[in-house]
Amino acid sequence: MGDTNGQVIAGGNGQGNRLNQLFGPTDVLIDKETDSLIICDRGNRRVIRWSRRNGTTQGEILIDNICCLGLAMDDQRYLYISDADE
């Protein structure tokens, strides 16, 4: 608490569609079990997981070809995704 210095842990390589880039992210949640971020990357039509561990240089696509607007995860770790196209 009170730290005024931030750290980029996902993206940070300009806008684009490579696995180390995001394009129009709309939501993010923290998966404590895997110590990762799950990100709605709407501009790239994907949901991507990005580890928060040191040395991570790119994300992993969980779902492709989806117009993701929002994310939620329940206590059993089921991931719910809103899709603007459906």
N, C-alpha and C. Protein backbone atom coordinates (compact mmCIF):
# COMPACT_ATOMS: atom_id res chain seq x y z
N MET A 1 0.84 -1.18 0.00
CA MET A 1 0.00 0.00 0.00
C MET A 1 0.88 1.24 0.00
N GLY A 2 0.45 2.24 -0.74
CA GLY A 2 1.15 3.50 -0.76
C GLY A 2 2.28 3.57 -1.77
N ASP A 3 2.57 2.48 -2.48
CA ASP A 3 3.62 2.50 -3.49
C ASP A 3 3.16 3.36 -4.66
N THR A 4 4.01 4.27 -5.10
CA THR A 4 3.64 5.16 -6.20
C THR A 4 4.28 4.75 -7.51
N ASN A 5 5.03 3.66 -7.53
CA ASN A 5 5.67 3.19 -8.75
C ASN A 5 4.93 1.98 -9.29
N GLY A 6 4.50 2.06 -10.55
CA GLY A 6 3.82 0.95 -11.19
C GLY A 6 4.79 0.09 -11.98
N GLN A 7 4.33 -1.07 -12.38
CA GLN A 7 5.14 -1.98 -13.19
C GLN A 7 4.24 -2.59 -14.25
N VAL A 8 4.67 -2.52 -15.50
CA VAL A 8 3.93 -3.14 -16.60
C VAL A 8 4.17 -4.64 -16.54
N ILE A 9 3.06 -5.42 -16.47
CA ILE A 9 3.22 -6.88 -16.43
C ILE A 9 2.51 -7.56 -17.58
N ALA A 10 1.78 -6.80 -18.40
CA ALA A 10 1.12 -7.37 -19.58
C ALA A 10 1.08 -6.29 -20.65
N GLY A 11 1.45 -6.67 -21.86
CA GLY A 11 1.48 -5.68 -22.93
C GLY A 11 2.73 -4.82 -22.79
N GLY A 12 2.57 -3.51 -22.98
CA GLY A 12 3.70 -2.60 -22.85
C GLY A 12 4.58 -2.55 -24.08
N ASN A 13 4.16 -3.19 -25.16
CA ASN A 13 4.93 -3.22 -26.40
C ASN A 13 4.18 -2.56 -27.54
N GLY A 14 3.37 -1.57 -27.20
CA GLY A 14 2.56 -0.91 -28.21
C GLY A 14 1.33 -1.74 -28.55
N GLN A 15 0.45 -1.12 -29.29
CA GLN A 15 -0.80 -1.78 -29.72
C GLN A 15 -0.50 -2.76 -30.85
N GLY A 16 -1.09 -3.95 -30.79
CA GLY A 16 -0.86 -4.92 -31.85
C GLY A 16 -1.45 -6.27 -31.52
N ASN A 17 -1.17 -7.25 -32.39
CA ASN A 17 -1.78 -8.58 -32.23
C ASN A 17 -0.78 -9.69 -31.89
N ARG A 18 0.47 -9.34 -31.63
CA ARG A 18 1.42 -10.37 -31.20
C ARG A 18 1.08 -10.80 -29.77
N LEU A 19 1.63 -11.91 -29.33
CA LEU A 19 1.34 -12.42 -27.99
C LEU A 19 1.92 -11.55 -26.88
N ASN A 20 2.80 -10.60 -27.22
CA ASN A 20 3.32 -9.68 -26.21
C ASN A 20 2.67 -8.29 -26.34
N GLN A 21 1.51 -8.22 -27.02
CA GLN A 21 0.80 -6.97 -27.22
C GLN A 21 -0.69 -7.14 -26.93
N LEU A 22 -1.34 -6.03 -26.63
CA LEU A 22 -2.80 -5.98 -26.46
C LEU A 22 -3.34 -4.92 -27.41
N PHE A 23 -4.64 -5.03 -27.72
CA PHE A 23 -5.28 -4.04 -28.60
C PHE A 23 -6.71 -3.84 -28.10
N GLY A 24 -6.92 -2.80 -27.33
CA GLY A 24 -8.26 -2.50 -26.83
C GLY A 24 -8.73 -3.42 -25.73
N PRO A 25 -7.91 -3.67 -24.69
CA PRO A 25 -8.39 -4.51 -23.59
C PRO A 25 -9.58 -3.87 -22.89
N THR A 26 -10.58 -4.68 -22.54
CA THR A 26 -11.80 -4.15 -21.92
C THR A 26 -12.02 -4.61 -20.49
N ASP A 27 -11.38 -5.69 -20.06
CA ASP A 27 -11.55 -6.18 -18.70
C ASP A 27 -10.36 -7.06 -18.33
N VAL A 28 -10.13 -7.18 -17.04
CA VAL A 28 -9.04 -8.02 -16.54
C VAL A 28 -9.44 -8.58 -15.18
N LEU A 29 -9.02 -9.80 -14.90
CA LEU A 29 -9.20 -10.35 -13.56
C LEU A 29 -7.93 -11.09 -13.17
N ILE A 30 -7.75 -11.26 -11.87
CA ILE A 30 -6.59 -11.97 -11.35
C ILE A 30 -7.01 -13.38 -10.97
N ASP A 31 -6.32 -14.37 -11.54
CA ASP A 31 -6.52 -15.77 -11.17
C ASP A 31 -5.46 -16.09 -10.12
N LYS A 32 -5.85 -16.09 -8.86
CA LYS A 32 -4.90 -16.30 -7.76
C LYS A 32 -4.30 -17.70 -7.78
N GLU A 33 -5.06 -18.67 -8.26
CA GLU A 33 -4.59 -20.06 -8.29
C GLU A 33 -3.37 -20.22 -9.20
N THR A 34 -3.37 -19.54 -10.35
CA THR A 34 -2.27 -19.64 -11.30
C THR A 34 -1.36 -18.41 -11.27
N ASP A 35 -1.66 -17.44 -10.40
CA ASP A 35 -0.92 -16.18 -10.30
C ASP A 35 -0.78 -15.54 -11.68
N SER A 36 -1.93 -15.36 -12.32
CA SER A 36 -1.92 -14.78 -13.66
C SER A 36 -3.07 -13.80 -13.83
N LEU A 37 -2.96 -12.99 -14.86
CA LEU A 37 -4.04 -12.10 -15.27
C LEU A 37 -4.77 -12.74 -16.43
N ILE A 38 -6.07 -12.62 -16.46
CA ILE A 38 -6.86 -13.04 -17.61
C ILE A 38 -7.45 -11.76 -18.18
N ILE A 39 -7.22 -11.52 -19.46
CA ILE A 39 -7.52 -10.23 -20.06
C ILE A 39 -8.45 -10.40 -21.26
N CYS A 40 -9.51 -9.59 -21.30
CA CYS A 40 -10.34 -9.45 -22.51
C CYS A 40 -9.58 -8.54 -23.46
N ASP A 41 -9.06 -9.08 -24.52
CA ASP A 41 -8.32 -8.31 -25.52
C ASP A 41 -9.25 -8.13 -26.72
N ARG A 42 -10.23 -7.23 -26.58
CA ARG A 42 -11.32 -7.12 -27.54
C ARG A 42 -10.84 -6.81 -28.96
N GLY A 43 -9.89 -5.90 -29.10
CA GLY A 43 -9.42 -5.53 -30.43
C GLY A 43 -8.80 -6.69 -31.19
N ASN A 44 -8.25 -7.64 -30.47
CA ASN A 44 -7.67 -8.84 -31.10
C ASN A 44 -8.62 -10.03 -31.06
N ARG A 45 -9.84 -9.82 -30.55
CA ARG A 45 -10.87 -10.85 -30.50
C ARG A 45 -10.36 -12.12 -29.81
N ARG A 46 -9.84 -11.93 -28.58
CA ARG A 46 -9.31 -13.07 -27.84
C ARG A 46 -9.37 -12.80 -26.33
N VAL A 47 -9.29 -13.89 -25.58
CA VAL A 47 -9.08 -13.84 -24.13
C VAL A 47 -7.70 -14.43 -23.91
N ILE A 48 -6.87 -13.70 -23.20
CA ILE A 48 -5.48 -14.09 -23.06
C ILE A 48 -5.10 -14.18 -21.58
N ARG A 49 -4.25 -15.15 -21.24
CA ARG A 49 -3.75 -15.29 -19.86
C ARG A 49 -2.29 -14.82 -19.86
N TRP A 50 -1.97 -14.01 -18.85
CA TRP A 50 -0.63 -13.48 -18.73
C TRP A 50 -0.13 -13.76 -17.32
N SER A 51 0.91 -14.58 -17.20
CA SER A 51 1.47 -14.92 -15.90
C SER A 51 2.06 -13.68 -15.24
N ARG A 52 1.91 -13.59 -13.93
CA ARG A 52 2.50 -12.47 -13.18
C ARG A 52 3.89 -12.82 -12.67
N ARG A 53 4.38 -14.00 -12.98
CA ARG A 53 5.71 -14.41 -12.54
C ARG A 53 6.79 -13.66 -13.32
N ASN A 54 7.90 -13.42 -12.68
CA ASN A 54 9.02 -12.74 -13.33
C ASN A 54 9.50 -13.53 -14.54
N GLY A 55 9.90 -12.81 -15.57
CA GLY A 55 10.42 -13.45 -16.76
C GLY A 55 9.39 -13.73 -17.83
N THR A 56 8.10 -13.50 -17.54
CA THR A 56 7.07 -13.72 -18.55
C THR A 56 7.16 -12.64 -19.61
N THR A 57 7.23 -13.03 -20.87
CA THR A 57 7.38 -12.05 -21.94
C THR A 57 6.19 -12.02 -22.89
N GLN A 58 5.26 -12.96 -22.75
CA GLN A 58 4.09 -12.96 -23.63
C GLN A 58 2.95 -13.72 -22.97
N GLY A 59 1.76 -13.50 -23.52
CA GLY A 59 0.58 -14.17 -23.01
C GLY A 59 0.29 -15.47 -23.73
N GLU A 60 -0.76 -16.14 -23.26
CA GLU A 60 -1.22 -17.40 -23.83
C GLU A 60 -2.70 -17.23 -24.17
N ILE A 61 -3.08 -17.52 -25.41
CA ILE A 61 -4.47 -17.37 -25.82
C ILE A 61 -5.31 -18.49 -25.21
N LEU A 62 -6.36 -18.10 -24.48
CA LEU A 62 -7.30 -19.07 -23.91
C LEU A 62 -8.46 -19.30 -24.86
N ILE A 63 -8.99 -18.21 -25.43
CA ILE A 63 -10.13 -18.28 -26.36
C ILE A 63 -9.85 -17.30 -27.49
N ASP A 64 -10.05 -17.75 -28.71
CA ASP A 64 -9.84 -16.92 -29.89
C ASP A 64 -11.17 -16.66 -30.59
N ASN A 65 -11.23 -15.59 -31.36
CA ASN A 65 -12.40 -15.23 -32.17
C ASN A 65 -13.63 -14.97 -31.30
N ILE A 66 -13.48 -14.10 -30.30
CA ILE A 66 -14.57 -13.73 -29.40
C ILE A 66 -14.51 -12.22 -29.17
N CYS A 67 -15.66 -11.58 -29.17
CA CYS A 67 -15.74 -10.15 -28.92
C CYS A 67 -16.00 -9.93 -27.42
N CYS A 68 -14.98 -10.14 -26.64
CA CYS A 68 -15.06 -10.14 -25.18
C CYS A 68 -15.25 -8.73 -24.63
N LEU A 69 -16.24 -8.60 -23.76
CA LEU A 69 -16.48 -7.33 -23.07
C LEU A 69 -16.19 -7.41 -21.58
N GLY A 70 -16.45 -8.57 -20.97
CA GLY A 70 -16.27 -8.69 -19.53
C GLY A 70 -15.95 -10.10 -19.10
N LEU A 71 -15.36 -10.21 -17.90
CA LEU A 71 -14.94 -11.49 -17.33
C LEU A 71 -15.43 -11.62 -15.90
N ALA A 72 -15.67 -12.85 -15.48
CA ALA A 72 -15.95 -13.15 -14.08
C ALA A 72 -15.48 -14.58 -13.82
N MET A 73 -15.08 -14.85 -12.58
CA MET A 73 -14.67 -16.20 -12.20
C MET A 73 -15.35 -16.52 -10.87
N ASP A 74 -15.96 -17.71 -10.79
CA ASP A 74 -16.63 -18.09 -9.55
C ASP A 74 -15.66 -18.81 -8.61
N ASP A 75 -16.17 -19.23 -7.46
CA ASP A 75 -15.33 -19.86 -6.44
C ASP A 75 -14.74 -21.19 -6.88
N GLN A 76 -15.35 -21.85 -7.86
CA GLN A 76 -14.82 -23.11 -8.38
C GLN A 76 -13.88 -22.87 -9.56
N ARG A 77 -13.58 -21.60 -9.84
CA ARG A 77 -12.68 -21.17 -10.91
C ARG A 77 -13.26 -21.36 -12.31
N TYR A 78 -14.59 -21.42 -12.43
CA TYR A 78 -15.21 -21.39 -13.75
C TYR A 78 -15.14 -19.96 -14.26
N LEU A 79 -14.71 -19.82 -15.50
CA LEU A 79 -14.56 -18.51 -16.12
C LEU A 79 -15.79 -18.20 -16.95
N TYR A 80 -16.37 -17.04 -16.74
CA TYR A 80 -17.54 -16.58 -17.49
C TYR A 80 -17.13 -15.36 -18.31
N ILE A 81 -17.53 -15.37 -19.58
CA ILE A 81 -17.11 -14.32 -20.51
C ILE A 81 -18.32 -13.79 -21.25
N SER A 82 -18.46 -12.47 -21.29
CA SER A 82 -19.53 -11.88 -22.09
C SER A 82 -19.00 -11.66 -23.50
N ASP A 83 -19.78 -12.09 -24.49
CA ASP A 83 -19.41 -12.01 -25.91
C ASP A 83 -20.41 -11.10 -26.60
N ALA A 84 -19.96 -9.95 -27.08
CA ALA A 84 -20.85 -8.97 -27.71
C ALA A 84 -21.47 -9.49 -29.00
N ASP A 85 -20.87 -10.50 -29.61
CA ASP A 85 -21.40 -11.05 -30.86
C ASP A 85 -22.48 -12.10 -30.65
N GLU A 86 -22.63 -12.60 -29.44
CA GLU A 86 -23.59 -13.69 -29.20
C GLU A 86 -24.76 -13.22 -28.40
